[in-house]
């Protein structure tokens, strides 16, 4: 059986923080208003030398060490980002060069859903026996494209990177299945333009679409594979806004503590948010061997979807088969 699993995680966070006190003064607002609107207290801001590819490379080195492999063992690099330093070459190629990794390397642009899309690609490549170790990176320097005079967006975004190693395994696959979607009919609701290069967002419309997209994709995925909400150990969603996380958990009838949140410390880091949250959830003991984890995201495009992870060693084999969509016979 050709399966895949996550064997290593790593993150990279800029040292500098931008807290609500500084933002509130600039915007003529209050710290309490920012927290009530977003759930965010602070966010990391990259220095001029902390570029998207450098943060991605640092996170990748940590993930490689965590997986107990060497950089030359990597034979595929998939990088999700919307904040590349250059139009080309791909950020993945720069990360690959910095690491001394091998094989193909390319970027995908799926907004805040980027890591989920990239993980699906890497999982498929490993299951097809095209590669043995794939590196999946979500890395963003959103402070470069944030308008800090816009109260709708300036309070939301932060910088950071997260990475995961996807490796082949002989047991049942522990990644997937996925349900991924897109709808490009309303690009004016969330975009950057060529002139200013800054983020423009219609918050109310994006809020409604994000809650509906994430909640519906998770519900459909669980129903399709016979998984009940009570079976879920943790939901790691894109950290867009605490109100969105709370609304998704409510729509899915999940206990509040099942939906992981670290948005108060980092803000919305787009494609980096899920791998950073996964890393911290594992570090905090929220994910352990046998945990059933649901991933879900929503981003510009619009793009959205959900996927499953079964962490560490296999759980009860029948439960794993149901979750993976595998039936006997």
C-alpha atoms as a PDB file:
ATOM      1  CA  UNK A   1       0.000   0.000   0.000  1.00  0.00           C
ATOM      2  CA  UNK A   2       1.343   3.412  -0.959  1.00  0.00           C
ATOM      3  CA  UNK A   3       0.579   5.860   1.804  1.00  0.00           C
ATOM      4  CA  UNK A   4       1.816   9.207   3.032  1.00  0.00           C
ATOM      5  CA  UNK A   5       2.202  10.953   6.364  1.00  0.00           C
ATOM      6  CA  UNK A   6       3.582  14.137   7.878  1.00  0.00           C
ATOM      7  CA  UNK A   7       6.886  13.340   9.569  1.00  0.00           C
ATOM      8  CA  UNK A   8       8.202  16.801  10.412  1.00  0.00           C
ATOM      9  CA  UNK A   9       7.036  20.342  11.128  1.00  0.00           C
ATOM     10  CA  UNK A  10       8.878  23.639  11.415  1.00  0.00           C
ATOM     11  CA  UNK A  11       8.094  27.337  11.730  1.00  0.00           C
ATOM     12  CA  UNK A  12       9.871  30.670  11.406  1.00  0.00           C
ATOM     13  CA  UNK A  13       8.554  33.861  12.999  1.00  0.00           C
ATOM     14  CA  UNK A  14      10.045  37.349  12.771  1.00  0.00           C
ATOM     15  CA  UNK A  15      11.252  38.729  16.083  1.00  0.00           C
ATOM     16  CA  UNK A  16       9.539  42.107  15.806  1.00  0.00           C
ATOM     17  CA  UNK A  17       5.950  42.442  17.007  1.00  0.00           C
ATOM     18  CA  UNK A  18       3.293  44.991  16.154  1.00  0.00           C
ATOM     19  CA  UNK A  19       0.832  45.182  19.032  1.00  0.00           C
ATOM     20  CA  UNK A  20      -2.609  46.697  19.208  1.00  0.00           C
ATOM     21  CA  UNK A  21      -1.465  49.720  21.192  1.00  0.00           C
ATOM     22  CA  UNK A  22       0.609  50.978  18.283  1.00  0.00           C
ATOM     23  CA  UNK A  23      -2.066  50.219  15.716  1.00  0.00           C
ATOM     24  CA  UNK A  24      -4.873  51.771  17.744  1.00  0.00           C
ATOM     25  CA  UNK A  25      -2.935  55.020  18.059  1.00  0.00           C
ATOM     26  CA  UNK A  26      -2.309  55.129  14.319  1.00  0.00           C
ATOM     27  CA  UNK A  27      -5.933  54.390  13.457  1.00  0.00           C
ATOM     28  CA  UNK A  28      -7.509  56.593  16.117  1.00  0.00           C
ATOM     29  CA  UNK A  29      -9.162  53.492  17.556  1.00  0.00           C
ATOM     30  CA  UNK A  30      -8.827  51.425  20.730  1.00  0.00           C
ATOM     31  CA  UNK A  31      -7.138  48.136  21.582  1.00  0.00           C
ATOM     32  CA  UNK A  32     -10.473  46.779  22.785  1.00  0.00           C
ATOM     33  CA  UNK A  33     -12.101  47.498  19.408  1.00  0.00           C
ATOM     34  CA  UNK A  34      -9.365  45.591  17.567  1.00  0.00           C
ATOM     35  CA  UNK A  35      -9.637  42.552  19.842  1.00  0.00           C
ATOM     36  CA  UNK A  36     -13.438  42.513  19.659  1.00  0.00           C
ATOM     37  CA  UNK A  37     -13.347  42.727  15.863  1.00  0.00           C
ATOM     38  CA  UNK A  38     -10.555  40.218  15.214  1.00  0.00           C
ATOM     39  CA  UNK A  39      -9.388  38.383  18.334  1.00  0.00           C
ATOM     40  CA  UNK A  40      -5.858  39.579  17.575  1.00  0.00           C
ATOM     41  CA  UNK A  41      -3.539  41.141  20.168  1.00  0.00           C
ATOM     42  CA  UNK A  42      -0.279  41.248  18.201  1.00  0.00           C
ATOM     43  CA  UNK A  43       1.323  40.138  14.975  1.00  0.00           C
ATOM     44  CA  UNK A  44       4.900  39.523  13.814  1.00  0.00           C
ATOM     45  CA  UNK A  45       6.444  41.931  11.293  1.00  0.00           C
ATOM     46  CA  UNK A  46       9.397  40.958   9.114  1.00  0.00           C
ATOM     47  CA  UNK A  47      12.504  43.111   8.872  1.00  0.00           C
ATOM     48  CA  UNK A  48      13.841  44.077   5.431  1.00  0.00           C
ATOM     49  CA  UNK A  49      16.192  41.069   5.501  1.00  0.00           C
ATOM     50  CA  UNK A  50      13.472  38.615   6.579  1.00  0.00           C
ATOM     51  CA  UNK A  51      12.158  37.838   3.120  1.00  0.00           C
ATOM     52  CA  UNK A  52       9.500  35.342   2.141  1.00  0.00           C
ATOM     53  CA  UNK A  53      12.045  32.816   0.866  1.00  0.00           C
ATOM     54  CA  UNK A  54      14.379  33.230   3.854  1.00  0.00           C
ATOM     55  CA  UNK A  55      11.583  32.688   6.358  1.00  0.00           C
ATOM     56  CA  UNK A  56      10.440  29.699   4.290  1.00  0.00           C
ATOM     57  CA  UNK A  57      13.947  28.239   4.254  1.00  0.00           C
ATOM     58  CA  UNK A  58      14.322  28.558   8.040  1.00  0.00           C
ATOM     59  CA  UNK A  59      10.962  26.889   8.658  1.00  0.00           C
ATOM     60  CA  UNK A  60      11.954  24.161   6.198  1.00  0.00           C
ATOM     61  CA  UNK A  61      15.257  23.476   7.943  1.00  0.00           C
ATOM     62  CA  UNK A  62      13.393  23.030  11.228  1.00  0.00           C
ATOM     63  CA  UNK A  63      10.919  20.650   9.567  1.00  0.00           C
ATOM     64  CA  UNK A  64      13.752  18.657   7.984  1.00  0.00           C
ATOM     65  CA  UNK A  65      15.503  18.325  11.349  1.00  0.00           C
ATOM     66  CA  UNK A  66      12.202  17.359  12.980  1.00  0.00           C
ATOM     67  CA  UNK A  67      11.745  14.595  10.393  1.00  0.00           C
ATOM     68  CA  UNK A  68      15.316  13.368  11.009  1.00  0.00           C
ATOM     69  CA  UNK A  69      16.274  13.570   7.363  1.00  0.00           C
ATOM     70  CA  UNK A  70      18.778  15.656   5.386  1.00  0.00           C
ATOM     71  CA  UNK A  71      18.059  18.440   2.875  1.00  0.00           C
ATOM     72  CA  UNK A  72      19.277  16.276   0.002  1.00  0.00           C
ATOM     73  CA  UNK A  73      16.525  13.760   0.867  1.00  0.00           C
ATOM     74  CA  UNK A  74      13.911  16.291  -0.280  1.00  0.00           C
ATOM     75  CA  UNK A  75      12.881  15.574  -3.868  1.00  0.00           C
ATOM     76  CA  UNK A  76       9.896  17.919  -4.240  1.00  0.00           C
ATOM     77  CA  UNK A  77       9.299  21.462  -2.936  1.00  0.00           C
ATOM     78  CA  UNK A  78       5.833  23.010  -3.126  1.00  0.00           C
ATOM     79  CA  UNK A  79       5.571  26.542  -1.775  1.00  0.00           C
ATOM     80  CA  UNK A  80       2.330  28.403  -1.127  1.00  0.00           C
ATOM     81  CA  UNK A  81       2.683  32.174  -1.045  1.00  0.00           C
ATOM     82  CA  UNK A  82       1.099  35.397  -2.273  1.00  0.00           C
ATOM     83  CA  UNK A  83       4.025  37.585  -1.203  1.00  0.00           C
ATOM     84  CA  UNK A  84       6.962  36.444  -3.311  1.00  0.00           C
ATOM     85  CA  UNK A  85       9.845  38.916  -3.383  1.00  0.00           C
ATOM     86  CA  UNK A  86       9.919  38.720  -7.182  1.00  0.00           C
ATOM     87  CA  UNK A  87       7.434  37.780  -9.896  1.00  0.00           C
ATOM     88  CA  UNK A  88       9.919  35.049 -10.811  1.00  0.00           C
ATOM     89  CA  UNK A  89      11.800  32.872 -10.102  1.00  0.00           C
ATOM     90  CA  UNK A  90       9.491  30.882  -7.853  1.00  0.00           C
ATOM     91  CA  UNK A  91      10.011  31.223  -4.121  1.00  0.00           C
ATOM     92  CA  UNK A  92      10.141  27.409  -3.995  1.00  0.00           C
ATOM     93  CA  UNK A  93      13.245  27.465  -6.201  1.00  0.00           C
ATOM     94  CA  UNK A  94      14.965  29.936  -3.870  1.00  0.00           C
ATOM     95  CA  UNK A  95      14.091  27.793  -0.859  1.00  0.00           C
ATOM     96  CA  UNK A  96      15.292  24.668  -2.646  1.00  0.00           C
ATOM     97  CA  UNK A  97      18.614  26.331  -3.459  1.00  0.00           C
ATOM     98  CA  UNK A  98      19.083  27.580   0.098  1.00  0.00           C
ATOM     99  CA  UNK A  99      18.504  24.072   1.427  1.00  0.00           C
ATOM    100  CA  UNK A 100      20.425  22.103  -1.182  1.00  0.00           C
ATOM    101  CA  UNK A 101      17.348  20.012  -1.908  1.00  0.00           C
ATOM    102  CA  UNK A 102      16.586  18.097  -5.104  1.00  0.00           C
ATOM    103  CA  UNK A 103      13.809  17.548  -7.618  1.00  0.00           C
ATOM    104  CA  UNK A 104      11.129  19.901  -8.930  1.00  0.00           C
ATOM    105  CA  UNK A 105      10.195  23.062  -7.059  1.00  0.00           C
ATOM    106  CA  UNK A 106       7.266  25.356  -7.770  1.00  0.00           C
ATOM    107  CA  UNK A 107       4.865  27.858  -6.195  1.00  0.00           C
ATOM    108  CA  UNK A 108       1.104  27.821  -6.016  1.00  0.00           C
ATOM    109  CA  UNK A 109      -1.091  30.866  -5.532  1.00  0.00           C
ATOM    110  CA  UNK A 110      -4.282  29.881  -3.720  1.00  0.00           C
ATOM    111  CA  UNK A 111      -4.390  32.704  -1.198  1.00  0.00           C
ATOM    112  CA  UNK A 112      -4.930  31.685   2.401  1.00  0.00           C
ATOM    113  CA  UNK A 113      -5.888  28.164   1.250  1.00  0.00           C
ATOM    114  CA  UNK A 114      -2.426  27.730  -0.241  1.00  0.00           C
ATOM    115  CA  UNK A 115      -0.981  25.326   2.312  1.00  0.00           C
ATOM    116  CA  UNK A 116      -4.027  23.049   2.055  1.00  0.00           C
ATOM    117  CA  UNK A 117      -3.739  22.978  -1.743  1.00  0.00           C
ATOM    118  CA  UNK A 118       0.031  22.392  -1.566  1.00  0.00           C
ATOM    119  CA  UNK A 119      -0.378  19.563   0.945  1.00  0.00           C
ATOM    120  CA  UNK A 120      -2.851  17.878  -1.390  1.00  0.00           C
ATOM    121  CA  UNK A 121      -0.350  18.112  -4.272  1.00  0.00           C
ATOM    122  CA  UNK A 122       2.503  16.722  -2.186  1.00  0.00           C
ATOM    123  CA  UNK A 123       0.327  13.915  -0.826  1.00  0.00           C
ATOM    124  CA  UNK A 124      -0.655  12.891  -4.364  1.00  0.00           C
ATOM    125  CA  UNK A 125       2.974  12.922  -5.543  1.00  0.00           C
ATOM    126  CA  UNK A 126       4.104  10.744  -2.643  1.00  0.00           C
ATOM    127  CA  UNK A 127       1.215   8.298  -3.018  1.00  0.00           C
ATOM    128  CA  UNK A 128       1.995   7.985  -6.722  1.00  0.00           C
ATOM    129  CA  UNK A 129       5.554   6.989  -5.726  1.00  0.00           C
ATOM    130  CA  UNK A 130       7.004   9.910  -7.668  1.00  0.00           C
ATOM    131  CA  UNK A 131       8.831  11.201  -4.603  1.00  0.00           C
ATOM    132  CA  UNK A 132       9.788   9.879  -1.176  1.00  0.00           C
ATOM    133  CA  UNK A 133      10.000  13.150   0.714  1.00  0.00           C
ATOM    134  CA  UNK A 134       8.095  16.284  -0.245  1.00  0.00           C
ATOM    135  CA  UNK A 135       8.548  19.651   1.431  1.00  0.00           C
ATOM    136  CA  UNK A 136       5.402  21.781   1.741  1.00  0.00           C
ATOM    137  CA  UNK A 137       5.937  25.405   2.725  1.00  0.00           C
ATOM    138  CA  UNK A 138       3.542  28.236   3.515  1.00  0.00           C
ATOM    139  CA  UNK A 139       5.423  31.511   3.836  1.00  0.00           C
ATOM    140  CA  UNK A 140       4.209  35.094   3.812  1.00  0.00           C
ATOM    141  CA  UNK A 141       5.412  38.632   4.439  1.00  0.00           C
ATOM    142  CA  UNK A 142       1.997  40.274   4.333  1.00  0.00           C
ATOM    143  CA  UNK A 143       3.239  43.432   6.027  1.00  0.00           C
ATOM    144  CA  UNK A 144       4.736  44.402   2.640  1.00  0.00           C
ATOM    145  CA  UNK A 145       1.266  44.554   1.069  1.00  0.00           C
ATOM    146  CA  UNK A 146      -0.808  45.794   4.035  1.00  0.00           C
ATOM    147  CA  UNK A 147      -2.206  49.338   4.037  1.00  0.00           C
ATOM    148  CA  UNK A 148      -1.657  50.463   7.625  1.00  0.00           C
ATOM    149  CA  UNK A 149      -4.035  53.386   7.153  1.00  0.00           C
ATOM    150  CA  UNK A 150      -6.919  51.035   6.326  1.00  0.00           C
ATOM    151  CA  UNK A 151      -8.740  49.982   9.515  1.00  0.00           C
ATOM    152  CA  UNK A 152     -10.410  47.056   7.710  1.00  0.00           C
ATOM    153  CA  UNK A 153      -7.155  45.275   6.887  1.00  0.00           C
ATOM    154  CA  UNK A 154      -4.295  46.797   8.881  1.00  0.00           C
ATOM    155  CA  UNK A 155      -5.326  45.042  12.088  1.00  0.00           C
ATOM    156  CA  UNK A 156      -5.479  41.594  10.538  1.00  0.00           C
ATOM    157  CA  UNK A 157      -2.240  40.554   8.907  1.00  0.00           C
ATOM    158  CA  UNK A 158       1.125  39.304  10.123  1.00  0.00           C
ATOM    159  CA  UNK A 159       4.239  37.595   8.803  1.00  0.00           C
ATOM    160  CA  UNK A 160       5.617  34.091   9.259  1.00  0.00           C
ATOM    161  CA  UNK A 161       6.337  30.722   7.706  1.00  0.00           C
ATOM    162  CA  UNK A 162       5.523  27.091   8.375  1.00  0.00           C
ATOM    163  CA  UNK A 163       6.682  23.884   6.712  1.00  0.00           C
ATOM    164  CA  UNK A 164       5.859  20.187   6.721  1.00  0.00           C
ATOM    165  CA  UNK A 165       7.616  17.084   5.450  1.00  0.00           C
ATOM    166  CA  UNK A 166       5.347  14.614   3.662  1.00  0.00           C
ATOM    167  CA  UNK A 167       6.919  11.165   3.463  1.00  0.00           C
ATOM    168  CA  UNK A 168       5.980   7.791   2.052  1.00  0.00           C
ATOM    169  CA  UNK A 169       4.712   5.100   4.403  1.00  0.00           C
ATOM    170  CA  UNK A 170       3.719   1.461   4.002  1.00  0.00           C
ATOM    171  CA  UNK A 171       0.701   1.684   6.296  1.00  0.00           C
ATOM    172  CA  UNK A 172      -2.647   3.311   5.526  1.00  0.00           C
ATOM    173  CA  UNK A 173      -2.177   6.858   4.362  1.00  0.00           C
ATOM    174  CA  UNK A 174      -2.523   9.393   7.149  1.00  0.00           C
ATOM    175  CA  UNK A 175      -3.108  12.419   4.925  1.00  0.00           C
ATOM    176  CA  UNK A 176      -6.417  13.065   3.226  1.00  0.00           C
ATOM    177  CA  UNK A 177      -8.904  12.771   1.778  1.00  0.00           C
ATOM    178  CA  UNK A 178      -9.414  16.390   0.710  1.00  0.00           C
ATOM    179  CA  UNK A 179     -12.270  18.461  -0.657  1.00  0.00           C
ATOM    180  CA  UNK A 180     -11.025  21.572  -2.463  1.00  0.00           C
ATOM    181  CA  UNK A 181     -13.071  24.260  -4.199  1.00  0.00           C
ATOM    182  CA  UNK A 182     -12.747  27.592  -5.974  1.00  0.00           C
ATOM    183  CA  UNK A 183     -14.997  30.341  -7.312  1.00  0.00           C
ATOM    184  CA  UNK A 184     -13.471  33.190  -9.276  1.00  0.00           C
ATOM    185  CA  UNK A 185     -16.688  35.091  -9.901  1.00  0.00           C
ATOM    186  CA  UNK A 186     -16.129  37.804  -7.254  1.00  0.00           C
ATOM    187  CA  UNK A 187     -12.456  38.804  -7.341  1.00  0.00           C
ATOM    188  CA  UNK A 188     -13.319  42.353  -6.293  1.00  0.00           C
ATOM    189  CA  UNK A 189     -14.066  41.188  -2.744  1.00  0.00           C
ATOM    190  CA  UNK A 190     -10.460  40.305  -1.875  1.00  0.00           C
ATOM    191  CA  UNK A 191      -7.481  41.218  -4.045  1.00  0.00           C
ATOM    192  CA  UNK A 192      -4.304  43.200  -4.575  1.00  0.00           C
ATOM    193  CA  UNK A 193      -4.014  45.371  -7.655  1.00  0.00           C
ATOM    194  CA  UNK A 194      -1.054  46.118  -9.891  1.00  0.00           C
ATOM    195  CA  UNK A 195      -0.940  49.820  -9.025  1.00  0.00           C
ATOM    196  CA  UNK A 196      -0.778  49.937  -5.230  1.00  0.00           C
ATOM    197  CA  UNK A 197       0.095  46.297  -4.578  1.00  0.00           C
ATOM    198  CA  UNK A 198      -1.918  46.544  -1.347  1.00  0.00           C
ATOM    199  CA  UNK A 199      -4.640  44.272   0.008  1.00  0.00           C
ATOM    200  CA  UNK A 200      -8.235  45.347  -0.625  1.00  0.00           C
ATOM    201  CA  UNK A 201     -10.995  43.455   1.177  1.00  0.00           C
ATOM    202  CA  UNK A 202     -14.737  43.744   1.615  1.00  0.00           C
ATOM    203  CA  UNK A 203     -14.851  42.339   5.113  1.00  0.00           C
ATOM    204  CA  UNK A 204     -18.530  41.491   5.567  1.00  0.00           C
ATOM    205  CA  UNK A 205     -18.817  39.600   2.298  1.00  0.00           C
ATOM    206  CA  UNK A 206     -15.552  37.750   2.893  1.00  0.00           C
ATOM    207  CA  UNK A 207     -16.638  36.865   6.440  1.00  0.00           C
ATOM    208  CA  UNK A 208     -19.868  35.283   5.220  1.00  0.00           C
ATOM    209  CA  UNK A 209     -18.172  33.406   2.394  1.00  0.00           C
ATOM    210  CA  UNK A 210     -15.369  32.157   4.661  1.00  0.00           C
ATOM    211  CA  UNK A 211     -17.695  30.802   7.341  1.00  0.00           C
ATOM    212  CA  UNK A 212     -19.919  29.111   4.792  1.00  0.00           C
ATOM    213  CA  UNK A 213     -17.030  27.714   2.729  1.00  0.00           C
ATOM    214  CA  UNK A 214     -15.086  26.214   5.609  1.00  0.00           C
ATOM    215  CA  UNK A 215     -18.091  24.891   7.534  1.00  0.00           C
ATOM    216  CA  UNK A 216     -19.712  23.355   4.449  1.00  0.00           C
ATOM    217  CA  UNK A 217     -16.525  21.717   3.129  1.00  0.00           C
ATOM    218  CA  UNK A 218     -15.790  20.174   6.529  1.00  0.00           C
ATOM    219  CA  UNK A 219     -19.372  18.964   6.990  1.00  0.00           C
ATOM    220  CA  UNK A 220     -19.421  17.389   3.525  1.00  0.00           C
ATOM    221  CA  UNK A 221     -16.046  15.716   4.053  1.00  0.00           C
ATOM    222  CA  UNK A 222     -17.112  14.226   7.382  1.00  0.00           C
ATOM    223  CA  UNK A 223     -20.460  13.033   6.027  1.00  0.00           C
ATOM    224  CA  UNK A 224     -18.854  11.478   2.960  1.00  0.00           C
ATOM    225  CA  UNK A 225     -16.501   9.382   5.091  1.00  0.00           C
ATOM    226  CA  UNK A 226     -18.757   8.522   7.995  1.00  0.00           C
ATOM    227  CA  UNK A 227     -17.017  10.680  10.589  1.00  0.00           C
ATOM    228  CA  UNK A 228     -18.998  12.295  13.394  1.00  0.00           C
ATOM    229  CA  UNK A 229     -18.059  15.651  14.946  1.00  0.00           C
ATOM    230  CA  UNK A 230     -17.371  13.844  18.226  1.00  0.00           C
ATOM    231  CA  UNK A 231     -14.685  11.777  16.449  1.00  0.00           C
ATOM    232  CA  UNK A 232     -12.605  14.892  15.758  1.00  0.00           C
ATOM    233  CA  UNK A 233      -9.761  15.576  18.149  1.00  0.00           C
ATOM    234  CA  UNK A 234      -8.804  18.968  16.730  1.00  0.00           C
ATOM    235  CA  UNK A 235      -9.777  21.356  13.949  1.00  0.00           C
ATOM    236  CA  UNK A 236      -6.877  23.418  12.627  1.00  0.00           C
ATOM    237  CA  UNK A 237      -8.405  26.104  10.465  1.00  0.00           C
ATOM    238  CA  UNK A 238      -6.797  28.989   8.642  1.00  0.00           C
ATOM    239  CA  UNK A 239      -6.380  31.669  11.285  1.00  0.00           C
ATOM    240  CA  UNK A 240      -8.294  34.435   9.535  1.00  0.00           C
ATOM    241  CA  UNK A 241     -10.278  36.049  12.344  1.00  0.00           C
ATOM    242  CA  UNK A 242     -11.408  34.729  15.722  1.00  0.00           C
ATOM    243  CA  UNK A 243     -15.032  35.488  14.910  1.00  0.00           C
ATOM    244  CA  UNK A 244     -14.745  33.319  11.789  1.00  0.00           C
ATOM    245  CA  UNK A 245     -13.192  30.471  13.786  1.00  0.00           C
ATOM    246  CA  UNK A 246     -15.957  30.673  16.375  1.00  0.00           C
ATOM    247  CA  UNK A 247     -18.686  30.762  13.720  1.00  0.00           C
ATOM    248  CA  UNK A 248     -17.267  27.724  11.897  1.00  0.00           C
ATOM    249  CA  UNK A 249     -17.063  25.743  15.160  1.00  0.00           C
ATOM    250  CA  UNK A 250     -20.658  26.688  15.963  1.00  0.00           C
ATOM    251  CA  UNK A 251     -21.909  25.681  12.509  1.00  0.00           C
ATOM    252  CA  UNK A 252     -20.230  22.284  12.933  1.00  0.00           C
ATOM    253  CA  UNK A 253     -21.559  21.826  16.497  1.00  0.00           C
ATOM    254  CA  UNK A 254     -18.035  21.485  17.850  1.00  0.00           C
ATOM    255  CA  UNK A 255     -16.993  22.123  21.418  1.00  0.00           C
ATOM    256  CA  UNK A 256     -15.152  25.484  21.549  1.00  0.00           C
ATOM    257  CA  UNK A 257     -11.836  23.916  22.568  1.00  0.00           C
ATOM    258  CA  UNK A 258     -11.807  21.583  19.537  1.00  0.00           C
ATOM    259  CA  UNK A 259     -11.066  24.483  17.191  1.00  0.00           C
ATOM    260  CA  UNK A 260      -7.434  25.461  17.699  1.00  0.00           C
ATOM    261  CA  UNK A 261      -6.590  29.163  17.785  1.00  0.00           C
ATOM    262  CA  UNK A 262      -3.322  31.074  17.968  1.00  0.00           C
ATOM    263  CA  UNK A 263      -4.540  34.108  16.040  1.00  0.00           C
ATOM    264  CA  UNK A 264      -4.239  36.361  19.090  1.00  0.00           C
ATOM    265  CA  UNK A 265      -0.422  36.079  18.879  1.00  0.00           C
ATOM    266  CA  UNK A 266       0.202  36.153  15.127  1.00  0.00           C
ATOM    267  CA  UNK A 267      -2.814  37.527  13.293  1.00  0.00           C
ATOM    268  CA  UNK A 268      -3.670  36.265   9.832  1.00  0.00           C
ATOM    269  CA  UNK A 269      -0.514  34.874   8.185  1.00  0.00           C
ATOM    270  CA  UNK A 270      -2.346  33.563   5.095  1.00  0.00           C
ATOM    271  CA  UNK A 271      -0.806  30.336   3.764  1.00  0.00           C
ATOM    272  CA  UNK A 272       1.529  30.100   6.765  1.00  0.00           C
ATOM    273  CA  UNK A 273      -1.256  29.989   9.350  1.00  0.00           C
ATOM    274  CA  UNK A 274      -2.158  26.292   9.178  1.00  0.00           C
ATOM    275  CA  UNK A 275       1.407  24.910   9.436  1.00  0.00           C
ATOM    276  CA  UNK A 276       2.237  27.370  12.241  1.00  0.00           C
ATOM    277  CA  UNK A 277      -0.924  26.314  14.086  1.00  0.00           C
ATOM    278  CA  UNK A 278      -0.187  22.610  13.517  1.00  0.00           C
ATOM    279  CA  UNK A 279       3.321  23.041  14.899  1.00  0.00           C
ATOM    280  CA  UNK A 280       2.114  24.855  18.005  1.00  0.00           C
ATOM    281  CA  UNK A 281      -0.810  22.495  18.583  1.00  0.00           C
ATOM    282  CA  UNK A 282       1.590  19.549  18.568  1.00  0.00           C
ATOM    283  CA  UNK A 283       4.036  21.434  20.792  1.00  0.00           C
ATOM    284  CA  UNK A 284       1.228  22.102  23.291  1.00  0.00           C
ATOM    285  CA  UNK A 285       0.201  18.441  23.354  1.00  0.00           C
ATOM    286  CA  UNK A 286      -3.069  19.085  21.514  1.00  0.00           C
ATOM    287  CA  UNK A 287      -2.007  16.647  18.779  1.00  0.00           C
ATOM    288  CA  UNK A 288      -0.540  13.280  19.634  1.00  0.00           C
ATOM    289  CA  UNK A 289      -0.308   9.798  18.184  1.00  0.00           C
ATOM    290  CA  UNK A 290      -3.677   8.728  16.864  1.00  0.00           C
ATOM    291  CA  UNK A 291      -5.270  12.180  16.797  1.00  0.00           C
ATOM    292  CA  UNK A 292      -7.802  12.841  14.055  1.00  0.00           C
ATOM    293  CA  UNK A 293      -7.220  16.390  12.834  1.00  0.00           C
ATOM    294  CA  UNK A 294      -9.391  18.340  10.397  1.00  0.00           C
ATOM    295  CA  UNK A 295      -7.763  21.068   8.321  1.00  0.00           C
ATOM    296  CA  UNK A 296      -9.812  23.771   6.652  1.00  0.00           C
ATOM    297  CA  UNK A 297      -9.080  27.076   4.941  1.00  0.00           C
ATOM    298  CA  UNK A 298     -10.583  29.897   2.918  1.00  0.00           C
ATOM    299  CA  UNK A 299      -8.724  32.431   0.822  1.00  0.00           C
ATOM    300  CA  UNK A 300      -8.682  34.879  -2.050  1.00  0.00           C
ATOM    301  CA  UNK A 301      -9.853  33.480  -5.317  1.00  0.00           C
ATOM    302  CA  UNK A 302     -12.114  32.459  -3.710  1.00  0.00           C
ATOM    303  CA  UNK A 303     -10.479  29.165  -2.750  1.00  0.00           C
ATOM    304  CA  UNK A 304     -11.492  26.934   0.126  1.00  0.00           C
ATOM    305  CA  UNK A 305     -11.650  23.354   1.306  1.00  0.00           C
ATOM    306  CA  UNK A 306     -10.934  20.768   3.982  1.00  0.00           C
ATOM    307  CA  UNK A 307      -8.734  17.744   4.568  1.00  0.00           C
ATOM    308  CA  UNK A 308      -8.018  15.093   7.187  1.00  0.00           C
ATOM    309  CA  UNK A 309      -4.867  14.125   9.052  1.00  0.00           C
ATOM    310  CA  UNK A 310      -4.393  11.085  11.230  1.00  0.00           C
ATOM    311  CA  UNK A 311      -1.413  11.921  13.388  1.00  0.00           C
ATOM    312  CA  UNK A 312       1.442   9.596  14.276  1.00  0.00           C
ATOM    313  CA  UNK A 313       0.734   5.888  14.480  1.00  0.00           C
ATOM    314  CA  UNK A 314      -2.475   4.484  13.095  1.00  0.00           C
ATOM    315  CA  UNK A 315      -5.626   4.558  15.154  1.00  0.00           C
ATOM    316  CA  UNK A 316      -8.062   1.674  15.225  1.00  0.00           C
ATOM    317  CA  UNK A 317      -7.762   0.192  11.715  1.00  0.00           C
ATOM    318  CA  UNK A 318     -11.496   0.204  10.989  1.00  0.00           C
ATOM    319  CA  UNK A 319     -11.790   3.851  11.954  1.00  0.00           C
ATOM    320  CA  UNK A 320      -8.804   4.717   9.762  1.00  0.00           C
ATOM    321  CA  UNK A 321     -10.345   2.876   6.801  1.00  0.00           C
ATOM    322  CA  UNK A 322     -13.624   4.739   7.162  1.00  0.00           C
ATOM    323  CA  UNK A 323     -11.875   8.091   7.494  1.00  0.00           C
ATOM    324  CA  UNK A 324      -9.742   7.423   4.422  1.00  0.00           C
ATOM    325  CA  UNK A 325     -12.724   6.362   2.327  1.00  0.00           C
ATOM    326  CA  UNK A 326     -11.434   2.754   2.062  1.00  0.00           C
ATOM    327  CA  UNK A 327     -13.829  -0.155   2.240  1.00  0.00           C
ATOM    328  CA  UNK A 328     -13.185  -3.874   2.558  1.00  0.00           C
ATOM    329  CA  UNK A 329     -13.823  -6.142  -0.376  1.00  0.00           C
END
